[in-house]
Protein backbone atom coordinates (compact mmCIF):
# COMPACT_ATOMS: atom_id res chain seq x y z
CA MET A 1 114.24 82.17 93.98
CA ARG A 2 111.03 83.98 94.78
CA LEU A 3 108.89 84.79 91.76
CA ARG A 4 108.18 88.26 90.47
CA ALA A 5 104.69 89.08 89.24
CA LEU A 6 103.95 90.06 85.66
CA ALA A 7 103.82 93.68 84.63
CA VAL A 8 100.29 93.03 83.41
CA SER A 9 97.59 94.90 85.25
CA ALA A 10 95.30 92.80 87.42
CA VAL A 11 92.47 94.62 85.67
CA LEU A 12 93.36 92.63 82.57
CA VAL A 13 94.74 89.45 84.08
CA PRO A 14 94.45 87.63 87.40
CA ALA A 15 97.57 87.24 89.49
CA LEU A 16 100.11 85.30 87.46
CA VAL A 17 103.32 83.44 88.04
CA THR A 18 106.21 84.79 85.96
CA LEU A 19 109.86 85.61 86.00
CA SER A 20 111.75 84.65 89.09
CA ALA A 21 113.85 87.51 90.34
CA CYS A 22 116.43 88.25 92.96
CA ALA A 23 116.23 91.43 94.94
CA ALA A 24 116.06 94.93 93.66
CA GLY A 25 119.53 96.41 93.76
CA THR A 26 119.53 98.55 96.88
CA SER A 27 121.70 97.99 99.89
CA ASN A 28 118.85 98.01 102.39
CA GLN A 29 116.49 95.66 100.57
CA SER A 30 113.57 93.83 102.15
CA ASN A 31 114.25 90.42 103.67
CA SER A 32 111.15 88.78 102.23
CA SER A 33 112.96 85.71 100.90
CA ASP A 34 116.21 83.83 101.00
CA THR A 35 117.50 85.70 98.00
CA GLY A 36 116.07 89.00 99.06
CA THR A 37 113.24 89.64 96.61
CA SER A 38 111.74 93.01 97.23
CA SER A 39 108.48 92.87 99.15
CA SER A 40 107.13 95.62 96.86
CA SER A 41 106.55 93.20 93.98
CA THR A 42 103.03 93.07 92.52
CA THR A 43 100.40 91.61 94.82
CA GLY A 44 99.33 88.08 94.05
CA GLN A 45 102.70 86.61 93.05
CA THR A 46 103.06 82.88 93.53
CA ASP A 47 106.25 81.30 94.79
CA THR A 48 106.86 77.95 93.07
CA ALA A 49 110.58 77.83 93.82
CA THR A 50 111.91 75.44 96.43
CA THR A 51 114.67 76.93 98.53
CA SER A 52 116.92 75.32 101.11
CA THR A 53 115.68 75.35 104.68
CA SER A 54 119.13 75.10 106.29
CA ALA A 55 120.47 78.43 107.51
CA PRO A 56 124.06 79.15 106.40
CA THR A 57 126.78 79.94 108.86
CA THR A 58 129.62 82.37 108.34
CA THR A 59 133.14 81.79 109.59
CA SER A 60 134.16 85.43 109.42
CA SER A 61 132.68 88.62 110.80
CA PRO A 62 130.40 90.34 108.29
CA VAL A 63 131.67 93.61 106.84
CA PRO A 64 129.56 96.56 107.95
CA ALA A 65 127.62 98.03 105.06
CA GLY A 66 124.74 100.39 104.79
CA PRO A 67 122.80 102.69 102.48
CA GLU A 68 125.60 105.26 102.67
CA ILE A 69 127.81 103.01 100.51
CA PRO A 70 126.61 103.26 96.92
CA ALA A 71 126.36 100.23 94.68
CA ASP A 72 129.07 99.72 92.10
CA THR A 73 128.30 100.88 88.57
CA ALA A 74 131.01 98.84 86.85
CA VAL A 75 133.00 95.67 87.30
CA ALA A 76 136.23 96.51 89.14
CA ALA A 77 139.77 95.82 87.98
CA PRO A 78 140.49 92.16 88.74
CA VAL A 79 142.26 91.11 91.89
CA ALA A 80 144.78 88.26 91.90
CA ARG A 81 143.14 85.03 90.79
CA ASP A 82 144.21 83.21 93.96
CA ALA A 83 142.28 85.79 95.95
CA MET A 84 139.08 84.70 94.24
CA PRO A 85 136.97 81.55 94.74
CA GLN A 86 137.42 78.48 92.53
CA ALA A 87 134.54 76.56 91.00
CA THR A 88 134.43 72.99 89.72
CA GLY A 89 132.17 71.63 87.00
CA THR A 90 131.34 72.64 83.46
CA PHE A 91 128.57 74.74 81.96
CA GLY A 92 125.18 73.28 82.88
CA GLU A 93 126.45 71.29 85.83
CA LYS A 94 125.88 72.29 89.45
CA PRO A 95 129.18 73.78 90.57
CA THR A 96 131.08 73.40 93.83
CA ILE A 97 132.73 76.57 95.11
CA THR A 98 135.95 76.63 97.10
CA VAL A 99 136.60 79.92 98.89
CA PRO A 100 140.08 81.18 99.81
CA LYS A 101 140.82 81.91 103.43
CA THR A 102 141.67 85.51 102.57
CA ALA A 103 139.15 88.31 103.06
CA ALA A 104 136.59 88.93 100.35
CA PRO A 105 137.52 91.64 97.82
CA GLN A 106 135.63 94.84 98.59
CA SER A 107 134.66 95.41 94.96
CA LEU A 108 132.52 93.86 92.25
CA GLN A 109 134.65 91.09 90.74
CA ARG A 110 133.93 88.93 87.71
CA VAL A 111 135.78 85.91 86.39
CA ILE A 112 134.77 84.31 83.10
CA LEU A 113 135.25 80.63 83.90
CA SER A 114 134.35 79.54 80.37
CA GLU A 115 133.25 81.79 77.50
CA GLY A 116 130.35 81.01 75.20
CA ASP A 117 129.99 82.03 71.57
CA GLY A 118 126.45 83.48 71.70
CA PRO A 119 125.32 87.09 71.73
CA GLN A 120 126.86 89.37 74.32
CA SER A 121 124.49 90.81 76.94
CA LYS A 122 123.99 94.55 77.27
CA ALA A 123 121.93 96.89 79.40
CA GLY A 124 118.22 96.22 78.97
CA ASP A 125 118.61 92.63 77.79
CA THR A 126 116.80 89.73 79.38
CA VAL A 127 119.11 86.95 80.50
CA VAL A 128 118.16 83.36 81.23
CA VAL A 129 120.53 81.70 83.67
CA ASN A 130 121.25 78.87 86.05
CA TYR A 131 123.05 79.91 89.21
CA LEU A 132 124.41 78.91 92.60
CA GLY A 133 124.80 81.45 95.41
CA GLN A 134 127.09 81.16 98.45
CA VAL A 135 128.07 83.39 101.31
CA TRP A 136 131.80 84.22 101.34
CA GLY A 137 133.13 82.19 104.28
CA GLY A 138 129.74 80.52 104.66
CA GLN A 139 127.41 78.11 102.93
CA GLU A 140 125.34 77.85 99.78
CA PHE A 141 122.01 79.64 100.22
CA ASP A 142 120.27 78.97 96.90
CA ASN A 143 120.70 77.38 93.48
CA SER A 144 118.56 76.73 90.41
CA TYR A 145 120.21 73.48 89.36
CA ASP A 146 118.43 71.40 91.99
CA ARG A 147 115.08 72.89 90.93
CA LYS A 148 115.82 72.20 87.25
CA ALA A 149 114.29 75.57 86.47
CA VAL A 150 116.17 78.49 84.96
CA PHE A 151 116.03 82.03 86.32
CA THR A 152 115.08 84.92 84.00
CA THR A 153 115.65 88.63 84.63
CA GLN A 154 116.32 91.91 82.88
CA ILE A 155 119.70 93.51 83.59
CA GLY A 156 121.25 96.96 83.42
CA VAL A 157 118.01 98.79 84.08
CA ALA A 158 117.31 101.86 86.18
CA ARG A 159 114.82 99.99 88.39
CA PRO A 160 116.67 96.68 88.86
CA GLN A 161 114.92 93.38 89.33
CA VAL A 162 118.09 91.95 90.85
CA VAL A 163 120.86 92.96 93.26
CA ALA A 164 123.42 95.42 91.90
CA GLY A 165 126.06 92.70 91.64
CA TRP A 166 123.90 90.96 89.03
CA ASN A 167 122.46 94.08 87.41
CA VAL A 168 125.99 95.29 86.62
CA GLY A 169 128.05 92.11 86.61
CA LEU A 170 125.98 90.25 84.01
CA GLN A 171 126.33 92.94 81.38
CA GLY A 172 128.92 92.17 78.69
CA VAL A 173 128.76 88.37 79.10
CA LYS A 174 128.25 86.06 76.12
CA GLN A 175 125.47 83.50 75.95
CA GLY A 176 126.91 80.10 76.80
CA SER A 177 129.39 81.48 79.34
CA ARG A 178 129.95 80.37 82.90
CA VAL A 179 130.82 83.37 85.07
CA LEU A 180 131.81 83.79 88.69
CA LEU A 181 130.72 86.96 90.50
CA SER A 182 131.93 88.10 93.90
CA PHE A 183 130.65 91.28 95.47
CA PRO A 184 130.42 93.03 98.85
CA ALA A 185 127.27 93.72 100.79
CA TRP A 186 126.54 97.05 99.16
CA ASP A 187 126.15 95.22 95.84
CA GLY A 188 124.01 92.57 97.52
CA TYR A 189 121.78 92.70 100.59
CA GLY A 190 123.47 95.42 102.59
CA ALA A 191 123.70 95.72 106.35
CA ALA A 192 120.38 93.95 106.85
CA GLY A 193 121.22 90.86 104.80
CA SER A 194 118.45 88.35 104.12
CA PRO A 195 118.15 86.28 107.33
CA PRO A 196 118.45 83.55 108.16
CA LYS A 197 120.63 82.46 105.25
CA ILE A 198 122.40 85.66 104.27
CA PRO A 199 123.92 87.54 107.25
CA GLY A 200 123.94 91.31 107.33
CA GLY A 201 127.02 92.76 105.67
CA ALA A 202 127.86 89.49 103.93
CA SER A 203 129.91 89.32 100.74
CA LEU A 204 128.42 86.93 98.21
CA ILE A 205 129.66 84.56 95.51
CA PHE A 206 127.64 83.38 92.51
CA VAL A 207 128.49 80.95 89.74
CA ILE A 208 126.17 81.70 86.85
CA ASP A 209 125.58 79.88 83.56
CA VAL A 210 124.20 82.32 80.97
CA VAL A 211 121.79 80.09 79.06
CA GLY A 212 120.17 82.80 76.91
CA VAL A 213 120.43 86.50 76.06
CA TYR A 214 117.40 88.27 74.56
CA ALA A 215 117.10 91.87 73.41
CA THR A 216 114.17 94.06 74.42
CA ASN A 217 112.62 93.58 70.96
CA ALA A 218 113.04 89.79 70.82
CA ALA A 219 110.13 88.32 68.88
CA ALA A 220 108.66 85.28 67.19
CA ASP A 221 110.38 83.48 64.33
CA LEU A 222 110.60 85.97 61.43
CA THR A 223 110.19 83.03 59.01
CA ALA A 224 107.03 81.70 60.74
CA THR A 225 104.38 80.67 58.20
CA PRO A 226 101.34 82.99 58.08
CA GLN A 227 98.02 81.32 58.88
CA ASP A 228 94.39 82.23 58.14
CA ILE A 229 92.57 83.46 61.23
CA PRO A 230 89.17 81.75 61.54
CA ALA A 231 85.93 83.66 61.59
CA GLY A 232 84.75 84.64 65.04
CA TRP A 233 88.18 85.84 66.21
CA PRO A 234 89.68 89.32 66.66
CA THR A 235 92.17 90.38 64.00
CA ALA A 236 95.93 90.80 64.43
CA SER A 237 97.94 93.07 62.14
CA GLY A 238 101.62 93.94 61.98
CA LYS A 239 104.79 92.34 60.67
CA LEU A 240 106.59 89.58 62.54
CA GLY A 241 109.30 91.14 64.67
CA GLU A 242 107.21 94.24 65.24
CA VAL A 243 104.54 95.22 67.76
CA PRO A 244 101.21 93.76 66.62
CA THR A 245 97.82 95.53 66.72
CA ILE A 246 94.66 93.80 67.92
CA THR A 247 91.21 94.75 66.69
CA VAL A 248 88.12 93.27 68.36
CA PRO A 249 84.99 93.88 66.24
CA LYS A 250 82.23 95.47 68.29
CA SER A 251 79.84 92.76 67.04
CA LEU A 252 82.05 89.95 68.36
CA PRO A 253 80.62 88.53 71.61
CA ASP A 254 82.82 87.94 74.60
CA PRO A 255 84.43 84.49 74.58
CA ALA A 256 82.85 81.81 76.73
CA GLN A 257 86.00 79.65 76.74
CA PRO A 258 89.75 80.32 76.47
CA GLY A 259 91.42 79.41 73.20
CA VAL A 260 94.31 79.98 70.85
CA THR A 261 94.60 80.25 67.06
CA LEU A 262 97.76 80.67 65.03
CA VAL A 263 98.62 83.97 63.31
CA ALA A 264 101.97 82.58 62.07
CA LYS A 265 103.25 79.05 62.71
CA GLY A 266 106.81 78.79 64.00
CA HIS A 267 109.29 76.03 63.29
CA GLY A 268 110.19 75.09 66.85
CA ALA A 269 109.13 72.19 69.06
CA PRO A 270 105.66 72.29 70.61
CA ALA A 271 105.49 74.37 73.79
CA GLN A 272 105.32 72.23 76.90
CA ALA A 273 104.00 72.75 80.39
CA GLY A 274 106.52 74.87 82.23
CA ASP A 275 107.64 78.40 81.46
CA VAL A 276 108.00 80.16 78.10
CA LEU A 277 109.51 83.51 77.19
CA VAL A 278 107.14 85.71 75.21
CA GLN A 279 106.30 89.15 73.90
CA TYR A 280 102.64 90.10 74.14
CA VAL A 281 99.98 92.70 73.49
CA ALA A 282 96.79 92.37 75.53
CA THR A 283 93.61 94.37 75.13
CA ALA A 284 90.32 94.31 76.97
CA TRP A 285 87.57 92.91 74.74
CA ASP A 286 85.78 96.28 74.76
CA GLY A 287 88.99 98.10 73.82
CA SER A 288 89.03 100.11 77.05
CA GLN A 289 92.71 99.41 77.76
CA THR A 290 95.71 97.82 76.13
CA GLN A 291 99.03 96.72 77.59
CA GLN A 292 102.16 95.21 76.10
CA SER A 293 105.53 93.76 77.02
CA TRP A 294 107.11 95.37 73.94
CA PRO A 295 109.06 98.54 74.81
CA ASP A 296 108.24 101.87 73.21
CA PRO A 297 111.43 103.59 72.02
CA THR A 298 109.61 106.95 71.97
CA GLY A 299 108.64 106.70 75.61
CA LYS A 300 105.16 108.02 74.77
CA ASN A 301 103.21 104.82 75.50
CA PRO A 302 102.56 104.50 79.24
CA GLN A 303 101.29 100.95 78.75
CA ALA A 304 104.51 99.76 77.10
CA GLY A 305 106.72 97.23 78.84
CA THR A 306 110.45 96.72 79.01
CA GLY A 307 110.86 93.55 76.97
CA PRO A 308 110.15 89.82 77.02
CA GLN A 309 108.31 88.24 79.92
CA ALA A 310 107.99 84.68 81.21
CA PHE A 311 104.56 83.03 81.04
CA PRO A 312 103.66 79.87 82.98
CA LEU A 313 101.99 77.08 81.05
CA SER A 314 100.05 74.84 83.39
CA SER A 315 96.51 73.59 83.82
CA SER A 316 95.83 76.36 86.35
CA SER A 317 97.38 79.12 84.21
CA PRO A 318 95.43 81.47 81.93
CA PHE A 319 98.00 80.47 79.29
CA ALA A 320 97.34 76.71 79.38
CA ALA A 321 96.03 76.84 75.80
CA LEU A 322 99.55 77.68 74.56
CA VAL A 323 100.78 74.15 75.32
CA GLY A 324 101.35 72.39 72.01
CA VAL A 325 101.84 75.57 69.97
CA PRO A 326 105.19 75.52 68.09
CA ILE A 327 107.86 77.73 69.59
CA GLY A 328 108.50 80.68 67.28
CA SER A 329 104.78 81.12 66.57
CA ARG A 330 102.69 84.25 66.83
CA VAL A 331 99.23 83.45 68.17
CA LEU A 332 95.92 85.08 68.97
CA MET A 333 94.62 84.05 72.38
CA ARG A 334 91.32 84.85 74.08
CA THR A 335 90.54 84.58 77.77
CA PRO A 336 86.95 84.91 79.10
CA ALA A 337 85.86 87.33 81.77
CA ASN A 338 86.13 86.30 85.40
CA SER A 339 83.19 87.62 87.42
CA THR A 340 84.80 86.60 90.68
CA ASN A 341 87.72 89.00 90.45
CA GLY A 342 86.32 91.44 87.89
CA VAL A 343 88.80 90.61 85.15
CA PRO A 344 87.26 91.31 81.75
CA SER A 345 87.53 89.24 78.59
CA VAL A 346 90.94 89.79 77.02
CA ALA A 347 92.34 89.39 73.52
CA TRP A 348 96.05 88.71 73.23
CA VAL A 349 98.69 88.48 70.53
CA ILE A 350 101.61 86.45 71.89
CA ASP A 351 104.98 85.71 70.33
CA LEU A 352 106.45 82.44 71.68
CA ILE A 353 110.19 83.18 71.77
CA THR A 354 111.61 80.16 73.59
CA GLN A 355 110.86 77.41 76.11
CA LEU A 356 112.54 78.32 79.37
CA ASP A 357 111.95 75.14 81.32
CA VAL A 358 109.68 72.11 81.37
CA ALA A 359 107.48 71.21 84.32
CA PRO A 360 107.61 67.62 85.56
CA ALA A 361 103.81 67.47 85.59
CA SER A 362 101.88 66.41 82.51
CA ALA A 363 101.34 69.10 79.89
CA THR A 364 98.01 70.69 79.12
CA THR A 365 96.37 69.88 75.80
CA SER A 366 96.42 72.81 73.36
CA SER A 367 93.36 74.20 71.64
CA ALA A 368 95.37 75.82 68.86
CA GLY A 369 93.67 75.76 65.50
């Protein structure tokens, strides 16, 4: 799927690769990618996903749908099971979908193919999934299994990152579950579709493995071991599990090189090149602005985020120094100013929540101290 840019201002950070996301959940969404990612995403996003180049065909006429048909707000009462698609394979395996010859149900349908025993998702949570998408009566148009990279998105939010069928249908599902979703065009890509692979008015089928469920206040390991911050670094205050505060002494010169030092050492495996899920606070070195992924329950902080974000760890990423840091850690990170794009020096406090996926390329050496 196409990638969605971070909610971090370009004034603080250059364009970054982050969470992949399906379309925003409106029935007349932009056709900017095979899975319909809104073209209004932050400028500078990078698409690292590989999608199929074969256009799907549909064996039945698409159902007319347009903006006048509102998206569903709840999963509908189930139709007969033989009126729904079947899926082979177990959790974690790429499924094969068999579609009945009957017409697609004109409602948001959900079948729990196998139920996990992890936390149950709710509105506002971030879910990490693998998925396969197929047009009802047509062909597969996208899947994450072949890419060996999970998909991460927030669900049940007023400004959806994904189509309504996902935004609604993935609420109330336990971590570790395999779920089948079927929904009409008004819960997907509407009358326009997402050519060439998703025809206008097409009903869609997804088989989704819910790999992880994370609350908006997900954080580093609460039992992480506190570390002494070396001289020459900003300070980080605040309890683990809570929003940290960064203080950059006025006498501290801007960093010449990026780097990381531990605030509290987690007990997980070392972070690898790929993608990690994090919470962060970032402040310009001169204190002129601060942003965060952590939500603000009071609604008074305009720089607050909506919950965990995905950070890319690669040699070309500003977060390359995080490679090798134990998952579960809270770290201080510094990034130098970039005169080319006007990005100032930035001080970060980052909670490494989990490793989302591992890149096939060699990992970057960490500078954690």
